[in-house]
Every structure is written in C-alpha cells, then in structure tokens.
Amino acid sequence: MIDQRERYINPYTDFGFKKLFGTEMNKDLLISFLNALLSKSQPKKVISDIKYLPSEHLGAYCNRRAIFDVYCVNEKGDNFIVEMQNVSQKFYKDRSVFYSTFPIQEQARMGEDWDFELKEVYTVGILNFEFKEDKYDKDCLHHEVKLLDTADHHVFYDKLTFIYLEMPKFNKTEDELETMFDKWLFVLKNLSRLLERPKALQERIFERLFEQAEIARFTPEERRGYEDSMKVYRDINNAIATAKRDSKAEGRAEGRAEGRAEGKAEEKLDNAKKMKELGATIDFIMQVTGLTQEEIEKL
C-alpha cells in the first residue's frame, strides 16, 4: 500500500522514474534535466527536442539483452541512455560500458559509403549509492568520464561520455539551491518526502513535474502500477539489508572464509528467488545479486 502521508511519487521506483522521464507526455521534464546536467561542463550544448527509442536491445554477437530505463536521441541524433540505479553492483561500470556499445553499433549503416562517423553517446547513471572503491572526495558527487590521453590528460575522444551522480552525497537544503542542476538533484532526492512544492522551485518546469508526480491525480491503473513498484522497491531494499545483516552475523559465527562464501552464495540464491516471486526483472536481480541469467532462471 502507498503511505497515505506521501503526496508525491518516489522517483527511485521503476514506475516513478519512467512516469517522470520515460513518457512522451513528459519529455519536457527529461529535456530540462539533461540540459541542467550538461550545463555543468557543456553550457553551449542545449537540447531542444528528443525522440524516445525502444528500451530493450539484444546483442548482435551474444544472447544478452540490455534494457534501458530511458533511451532517446536529441534533434542532432546524439544518443542518451538514462538509468536509475538503486543498488551497488560489483561490475556496474562494466555494465555501463557494455550498455554504451548498443547505441554505437546501431549507428552503423549498410553500404560502402559509410565513413564510420558517429554521433555522440551519453550514458547517465543516477546512483542511489556511492563509489566506495574509488575513494572519491566525500563532496564530489558529479562525475563526467571521457576517453583521455594518459600522457597529458587531454580528451582524446569526446563523443563518448559517462555521467554518474552519487545521490547520497547531495545534501543541499532548499535555501542553498542556486542552479537548475542543484534543483533537479534536490527534487530527485527529496520528492517523495515533500508535502508541497518548495518556494525555491518556482520554474514552470517544476510546476509540471509536481503535477505529474502527485499521487492523487493518478488513474486507478497508474495507482496500482505505482503500488506494485513501491512493493518491489521496499522488498528488495529489505532483502538487501537483511542479506548484509545476516552475512555479517554468519561470518562472525563461523569464523571461516569458506563458510562465509557458502553462506553468501545461499543468501544470494534465496534473495534472488524472493525478488523473482515479487516480479522483479531478471536483469534487475542480476544487478542486485551478481548471479547469472541461467542461475536465476533455474530458481
């Protein structure tokens, strides 16, 4: 059930994120968000229109699917993959690179006249966790990654960009919001906890966003969809928290590395089974548990 104290949807849920950013009706919200994001490093690059593309793709040389939360092109043909990532994953960066290969390959044209010129590809990851392994500064939450020359660090290739936002590090209050980038991050992090539109968010685009995010405006079908999405979101978070707690307890009790490894493997399978029963996609379960598609399908 939806918490009756919540007025606006949680954008960290699959339904909430796609409701705000993945529909033709709300493409102006995605355009505003992307422009705010790009303004950090490319203020002259302004998106005026986008076209949504199919979100599911099958690799040309392997039977491995890629399912994007949002996939679109702008009026110049530049490609944008936008992903909401709720849980940390061991090979998340590898996955980001793998996903970026799809819009690259799909630009290939038949015939001898194609000279390999490519449009730009952006992969945007909105992360509900921190990159602990990289030991970034505690205040550094925005990362823009390109191919660099290691000799002098100049950008060697500027058409492939990975942008990551470590949302737990964003702690600005309403009074501290200055740029559109600040305002969008504030909305993403706090939307479900707000009871009204903050005074700092008076731009027309945020008026549209709060209208679309208001749960009371949902149709019965939308409400059911959001309730289902919230159930999966909460249950998966609970499963992850339980797995971490049980793993630590078991590790202390057994005191042996092999015992911990075996226990973790069993926990992964048990949690994957629970997620599958709750309706989570195989790709999502793979992200959370690290299990293979074959292992999950056998459950």
Protein backbone atom coordinates (compact mmCIF):
# COMPACT_ATOMS: atom_id res chain seq x y z
CA MET A 1 0.00 0.00 0.00
CA ILE A 2 1.05 3.60 -0.62
CA ASP A 3 1.89 5.52 2.54
CA GLN A 4 -1.02 7.94 2.94
CA ARG A 5 1.41 10.59 4.14
CA GLU A 6 3.13 10.60 0.74
CA ARG A 7 1.81 13.19 -1.69
CA TYR A 8 4.34 12.69 -4.49
CA ILE A 9 5.80 9.58 -6.07
CA ASN A 10 9.21 8.15 -5.33
CA PRO A 11 11.42 8.66 -8.43
CA TYR A 12 13.71 5.85 -7.26
CA THR A 13 11.00 3.31 -8.13
CA ASP A 14 10.80 1.92 -11.64
CA PHE A 15 7.28 3.29 -12.10
CA GLY A 16 8.12 6.70 -10.65
CA PHE A 17 11.24 7.21 -12.74
CA LYS A 18 9.60 6.19 -16.01
CA LYS A 19 6.46 8.18 -15.21
CA LEU A 20 8.51 11.37 -14.92
CA PHE A 21 11.19 10.80 -17.54
CA GLY A 22 10.14 7.97 -19.81
CA THR A 23 6.90 9.11 -21.44
CA GLU A 24 6.28 11.28 -24.47
CA MET A 25 3.87 13.42 -22.47
CA ASN A 26 6.62 14.33 -20.00
CA LYS A 27 9.59 14.60 -22.34
CA ASP A 28 9.96 18.27 -21.40
CA LEU A 29 10.97 17.08 -17.91
CA LEU A 30 13.72 14.88 -19.32
CA ILE A 31 14.91 17.68 -21.64
CA SER A 32 15.16 20.10 -18.71
CA PHE A 33 17.01 17.55 -16.57
CA LEU A 34 19.52 16.71 -19.33
CA ASN A 35 20.15 20.39 -20.08
CA ALA A 36 20.78 21.05 -16.39
CA LEU A 37 23.18 18.11 -16.31
CA LEU A 38 25.06 19.14 -19.45
CA SER A 39 25.32 22.74 -18.28
CA LYS A 40 27.92 21.59 -15.75
CA SER A 41 30.53 21.05 -18.46
CA GLN A 42 28.94 21.92 -21.81
CA PRO A 43 26.91 25.12 -21.31
CA LYS A 44 26.67 25.71 -25.06
CA LYS A 45 25.09 22.30 -25.68
CA VAL A 46 21.33 22.76 -25.38
CA ILE A 47 18.78 20.07 -26.20
CA SER A 48 15.56 21.39 -27.72
CA ASP A 49 13.81 18.11 -28.52
CA ILE A 50 14.14 14.36 -28.01
CA LYS A 51 12.72 11.20 -29.51
CA TYR A 52 12.25 8.11 -27.37
CA LEU A 53 13.69 4.85 -28.70
CA PRO A 54 12.90 1.22 -27.77
CA SER A 55 14.37 0.36 -24.37
CA GLU A 56 15.13 -3.33 -24.99
CA HIS A 57 18.08 -4.43 -27.12
CA LEU A 58 19.68 -7.77 -27.97
CA GLY A 59 23.41 -8.05 -28.54
CA ALA A 60 24.49 -8.77 -32.11
CA TYR A 61 27.06 -11.38 -31.07
CA CYS A 62 25.66 -12.72 -27.83
CA ASN A 63 22.31 -13.70 -26.39
CA ARG A 64 22.49 -10.96 -23.77
CA ARG A 65 19.82 -8.28 -23.51
CA ALA A 66 20.20 -4.68 -22.46
CA ILE A 67 17.12 -3.00 -21.04
CA PHE A 68 17.46 0.74 -20.55
CA ASP A 69 15.27 2.77 -18.21
CA VAL A 70 15.19 5.59 -20.76
CA TYR A 71 16.78 5.70 -24.21
CA CYS A 72 16.41 8.65 -26.56
CA VAL A 73 18.07 10.81 -29.21
CA ASN A 74 18.06 14.58 -29.47
CA GLU A 75 17.38 16.66 -32.56
CA LYS A 76 21.02 16.29 -33.65
CA GLY A 77 20.98 12.50 -33.39
CA ASP A 78 23.03 12.30 -30.19
CA ASN A 79 22.13 9.28 -28.05
CA PHE A 80 21.22 9.34 -24.35
CA ILE A 81 20.85 6.37 -22.01
CA VAL A 82 19.46 7.43 -18.63
CA GLU A 83 19.45 4.91 -15.80
CA MET A 84 18.27 4.94 -12.20
CA GLN A 85 20.49 2.55 -10.24
CA ASN A 86 19.29 1.82 -6.71
CA VAL A 87 21.84 -0.72 -5.52
CA SER A 88 25.57 -1.07 -5.90
CA GLN A 89 26.79 -3.77 -8.27
CA LYS A 90 30.28 -5.26 -8.46
CA PHE A 91 30.56 -4.75 -12.21
CA TYR A 92 28.34 -1.70 -12.56
CA LYS A 93 30.94 0.27 -14.51
CA ASP A 94 31.45 -2.68 -16.85
CA ARG A 95 27.70 -2.75 -17.38
CA SER A 96 27.66 0.96 -18.21
CA VAL A 97 30.34 0.47 -20.84
CA PHE A 98 28.53 -2.57 -22.23
CA TYR A 99 25.28 -0.61 -22.50
CA SER A 100 27.05 2.20 -24.36
CA THR A 101 28.05 -0.21 -27.13
CA PHE A 102 24.44 -0.61 -28.27
CA PRO A 103 23.83 2.96 -29.48
CA ILE A 104 27.32 2.88 -31.02
CA GLN A 105 26.70 -0.30 -33.03
CA GLU A 106 23.21 0.79 -34.03
CA GLN A 107 24.66 3.78 -35.87
CA ALA A 108 26.38 1.52 -38.37
CA ARG A 109 24.96 1.85 -41.87
CA MET A 110 24.95 -0.68 -44.66
CA GLY A 111 26.93 0.13 -47.78
CA GLU A 112 30.43 1.22 -48.67
CA ASP A 113 29.71 4.94 -48.41
CA TRP A 114 29.63 4.97 -44.57
CA ASP A 115 32.86 6.50 -43.25
CA PHE A 116 32.36 5.46 -39.58
CA GLU A 117 31.34 8.92 -38.41
CA LEU A 118 29.41 8.56 -35.15
CA LYS A 119 27.01 10.74 -33.22
CA GLU A 120 27.64 11.38 -29.55
CA VAL A 121 26.65 8.79 -26.92
CA TYR A 122 25.88 9.70 -23.32
CA THR A 123 25.27 7.22 -20.50
CA VAL A 124 23.78 8.87 -17.43
CA GLY A 125 23.67 6.96 -14.15
CA ILE A 126 21.63 8.35 -11.25
CA LEU A 127 23.04 6.32 -8.37
CA ASN A 128 21.43 5.69 -5.01
CA PHE A 129 24.84 4.64 -3.63
CA GLU A 130 28.44 5.83 -3.53
CA PHE A 131 31.50 4.65 -5.46
CA LYS A 132 33.33 3.39 -2.38
CA GLU A 133 36.08 1.61 -4.29
CA ASP A 134 37.30 4.83 -5.92
CA LYS A 135 37.65 6.84 -2.73
CA TYR A 136 36.28 10.00 -4.30
CA ASP A 137 36.17 13.11 -2.16
CA LYS A 138 33.16 12.99 0.14
CA ASP A 139 31.67 16.08 -1.54
CA CYS A 140 32.36 15.02 -5.14
CA LEU A 141 29.06 13.65 -6.42
CA HIS A 142 29.13 14.54 -10.14
CA HIS A 143 31.47 12.56 -12.38
CA GLU A 144 31.87 13.09 -16.12
CA VAL A 145 34.08 10.47 -17.74
CA LYS A 146 35.58 10.55 -21.25
CA LEU A 147 38.43 8.81 -23.07
CA LEU A 148 41.61 10.65 -22.05
CA ASP A 149 45.23 10.54 -23.16
CA THR A 150 47.16 9.34 -20.09
CA ALA A 151 50.21 11.44 -21.00
CA ASP A 152 48.67 14.88 -20.54
CA HIS A 153 45.01 14.04 -19.72
CA HIS A 154 43.56 15.87 -22.71
CA VAL A 155 40.28 14.47 -24.08
CA PHE A 156 41.27 12.02 -26.79
CA TYR A 157 37.68 11.23 -27.90
CA ASP A 158 34.79 13.49 -26.96
CA LYS A 159 31.82 11.61 -28.41
CA LEU A 160 31.53 9.01 -25.65
CA THR A 161 30.57 10.35 -22.22
CA PHE A 162 29.62 8.66 -18.96
CA ILE A 163 27.97 10.83 -16.32
CA TYR A 164 27.40 9.50 -12.80
CA LEU A 165 25.56 11.20 -9.93
CA GLU A 166 26.21 9.85 -6.42
CA MET A 167 22.90 10.96 -4.94
CA PRO A 168 23.64 10.10 -1.26
CA LYS A 169 26.30 12.84 -1.34
CA PHE A 170 23.81 15.56 -2.29
CA ASN A 171 22.86 17.32 0.93
CA LYS A 172 21.93 20.87 -0.09
CA THR A 173 18.89 22.36 1.58
CA GLU A 174 16.20 24.37 -0.19
CA ASP A 175 17.89 27.64 0.80
CA GLU A 176 21.16 26.51 -0.80
CA LEU A 177 19.76 25.74 -4.25
CA GLU A 178 21.29 28.03 -6.87
CA THR A 179 21.45 26.33 -10.27
CA MET A 180 18.99 24.19 -12.18
CA PHE A 181 21.38 21.30 -11.59
CA ASP A 182 21.02 21.79 -7.83
CA LYS A 183 17.25 22.00 -8.11
CA TRP A 184 16.91 18.81 -10.15
CA LEU A 185 19.07 16.85 -7.73
CA PHE A 186 17.07 18.21 -4.81
CA VAL A 187 13.86 17.04 -6.46
CA LEU A 188 15.21 13.57 -7.25
CA LYS A 189 16.43 13.03 -3.71
CA ASN A 190 13.53 14.56 -1.78
CA LEU A 191 10.39 14.38 -3.94
CA SER A 192 8.62 11.59 -2.07
CA ARG A 193 9.19 13.33 1.27
CA LEU A 194 7.77 16.70 0.22
CA LEU A 195 4.24 17.79 1.03
CA GLU A 196 4.22 20.80 -1.30
CA ARG A 197 6.34 22.41 -3.97
CA PRO A 198 9.23 24.32 -2.35
CA LYS A 199 9.41 28.06 -2.96
CA ALA A 200 12.87 27.64 -4.49
CA LEU A 201 11.38 25.56 -7.31
CA GLN A 202 9.16 28.13 -8.95
CA GLU A 203 10.23 27.48 -12.54
CA ARG A 204 7.38 26.35 -14.77
CA ILE A 205 9.06 23.02 -15.45
CA PHE A 206 8.83 22.12 -11.75
CA GLU A 207 5.18 23.08 -11.71
CA ARG A 208 4.72 20.47 -14.45
CA LEU A 209 6.78 17.93 -12.53
CA PHE A 210 4.83 18.27 -9.29
CA GLU A 211 1.56 17.96 -11.21
CA GLN A 212 2.72 14.73 -12.80
CA ALA A 213 4.16 13.40 -9.54
CA GLU A 214 1.05 13.95 -7.42
CA ILE A 215 -0.33 10.54 -6.49
CA ALA A 216 -3.88 11.86 -6.04
CA ARG A 217 -4.00 12.65 -9.77
CA PHE A 218 -3.24 9.06 -10.80
CA THR A 219 -5.78 6.88 -12.57
CA PRO A 220 -6.69 3.63 -10.77
CA GLU A 221 -4.40 1.76 -13.18
CA GLU A 222 -1.49 4.13 -12.51
CA ARG A 223 -2.05 3.83 -8.79
CA ARG A 224 -1.92 0.03 -8.96
CA GLY A 225 1.23 0.22 -11.05
CA TYR A 226 2.88 2.54 -8.55
CA GLU A 227 1.81 0.41 -5.58
CA ASP A 228 3.33 -2.68 -7.23
CA SER A 229 6.53 -0.77 -7.99
CA MET A 230 6.78 0.50 -4.41
CA LYS A 231 6.28 -3.03 -3.07
CA VAL A 232 9.15 -4.35 -5.19
CA TYR A 233 11.32 -1.35 -4.22
CA ARG A 234 10.72 -1.82 -0.49
CA ASP A 235 11.00 -5.61 -0.51
CA ILE A 236 14.24 -5.58 -2.49
CA ASN A 237 15.74 -2.96 -0.16
CA ASN A 238 14.65 -5.06 2.83
CA ALA A 239 16.11 -8.19 1.24
CA ILE A 240 19.43 -6.43 0.64
CA ALA A 241 19.54 -5.06 4.20
CA THR A 242 18.68 -8.49 5.61
CA ALA A 243 21.32 -10.18 3.46
CA LYS A 244 24.00 -7.77 4.66
CA ARG A 245 23.00 -8.19 8.30
CA ASP A 246 22.78 -11.98 8.10
CA SER A 247 26.05 -12.20 6.20
CA LYS A 248 27.89 -10.26 8.90
CA ALA A 249 26.33 -12.34 11.67
CA GLU A 250 27.11 -15.59 9.93
CA GLY A 251 30.67 -14.51 9.25
CA ARG A 252 31.28 -13.77 12.90
CA ALA A 253 29.69 -17.04 13.99
CA GLU A 254 31.50 -19.34 11.57
CA GLY A 255 34.85 -17.61 11.52
CA ARG A 256 35.92 -19.41 8.36
CA ALA A 257 36.26 -17.89 4.90
CA GLU A 258 34.79 -20.91 3.16
CA GLY A 259 31.79 -20.83 5.45
CA ARG A 260 31.18 -17.19 4.70
CA ALA A 261 31.45 -17.78 0.96
CA GLU A 262 29.00 -20.67 1.07
CA GLY A 263 26.58 -18.69 3.23
CA LYS A 264 26.69 -15.72 0.90
CA ALA A 265 26.03 -17.94 -2.09
CA GLU A 266 22.96 -19.44 -0.42
CA GLU A 267 21.75 -15.98 0.59
CA LYS A 268 22.12 -14.72 -2.97
CA LEU A 269 20.01 -17.59 -4.28
CA ASP A 270 17.39 -17.12 -1.56
CA ASN A 271 17.15 -13.38 -2.13
CA ALA A 272 17.04 -13.85 -5.90
CA LYS A 273 14.16 -16.29 -5.50
CA LYS A 274 12.26 -13.80 -3.34
CA MET A 275 12.82 -11.00 -5.84
CA LYS A 276 11.69 -13.22 -8.70
CA GLU A 277 8.49 -14.05 -6.82
CA LEU A 278 7.91 -10.32 -6.27
CA GLY A 279 8.04 -9.71 -10.01
CA ALA A 280 11.49 -8.12 -10.33
CA THR A 281 13.07 -8.47 -13.79
CA ILE A 282 15.92 -10.91 -14.36
CA ASP A 283 18.23 -8.02 -15.32
CA PHE A 284 17.46 -6.24 -12.04
CA ILE A 285 18.01 -9.41 -9.99
CA MET A 286 21.33 -9.90 -11.78
CA GLN A 287 22.33 -6.35 -10.83
CA VAL A 288 21.47 -6.85 -7.17
CA THR A 289 22.83 -10.37 -6.60
CA GLY A 290 25.57 -10.80 -9.19
CA LEU A 291 24.04 -14.13 -10.24
CA THR A 292 23.95 -15.15 -13.90
CA GLN A 293 20.79 -15.20 -16.02
CA GLU A 294 20.98 -19.02 -16.14
CA GLU A 295 21.20 -19.33 -12.34
CA ILE A 296 18.18 -17.06 -11.86
CA GLU A 297 16.06 -18.82 -14.49
CA LYS A 298 16.61 -22.14 -12.70
CA LEU A 299 15.08 -20.84 -9.46
